[in-house]
Amino acid sequence: MMKLVFPAALFLAAAFPALAGDYAPDVAEFDGGESYAFPADAAYDLSDGGTIEFWAAADWRSDPGYDPVILSNTGEDGSSYLIAINADRNALVVNSGDRFETAPFDFSDGKLHHVALANTGDQTFVLIDGSLAGALDFKIVDLPSSGLFVGSANGKDAPFMGAIAGLRLWSVPLDPVTIAEFSLRNVEDADLPHPDLQFLAAMSDFRTGGMIVNADNAFEE
């Protein structure tokens, strides 16, 4: 079953070697059992352009027979977006509607890697650990959603095995430099907040098992 991880100093030092200040990303571990399921919300619709970012570590050694899913916004007509790591742990899998592509990357070390997908409305750029891993020639499509699922495709299928941390959804495509600069920083830092904070649509709070949605600009001061 899924278990929440309240990040300890030793865990974070190993997983995030370049922690900025006292920021500690929220982390959840999955063993192929339970996953998170959040009710559908307009904040999760990124079909007009947006950015998805998170940390992920793949923790399986043998082929599970499917591509373990990190995140999915899905409904009866398919997935607006679904992100997985392939069974061989050598590529990120991205699906939207009837489009399916991969971006090569070696996830076999079992360590947490920062992933960002910036969708411009026509293309989706995949950045992993700050470097361009792929430019996918399709947009995120607008499909009815049954909910947002973290750690599986729909609450039960293609369950993830490993760790997922610091999920953030933005309603605009972010600049790659900004993505890298804030990957291990608190976007709500009072001294130096994220320059696009007003466009933060939602972010995870795995310490409580929830998602924080930007209702009425909740992330702005």
Foldseek 3Di string as FASTA:
>chain_A
DKDWDDDDPVNCCVQPVDADDPFDWGKIFDAQFWWAWFADDPLPDQLQWWKKKWKWAADDDAQPPFFAWFKFFADPQGTLWTWTQGRVQFWIWIDARPDIDIFGHRRPVRHIWMWMWTFQNQWTWIAILLHTRDIGGGGRDDDDGRTMIGQAHHGRHRGGGHMMTKIWMFNHGDDSVLCNVPVNHDCLPPVDHRPRLQRTQWIDDSVVSGIGGCDPNPSDD
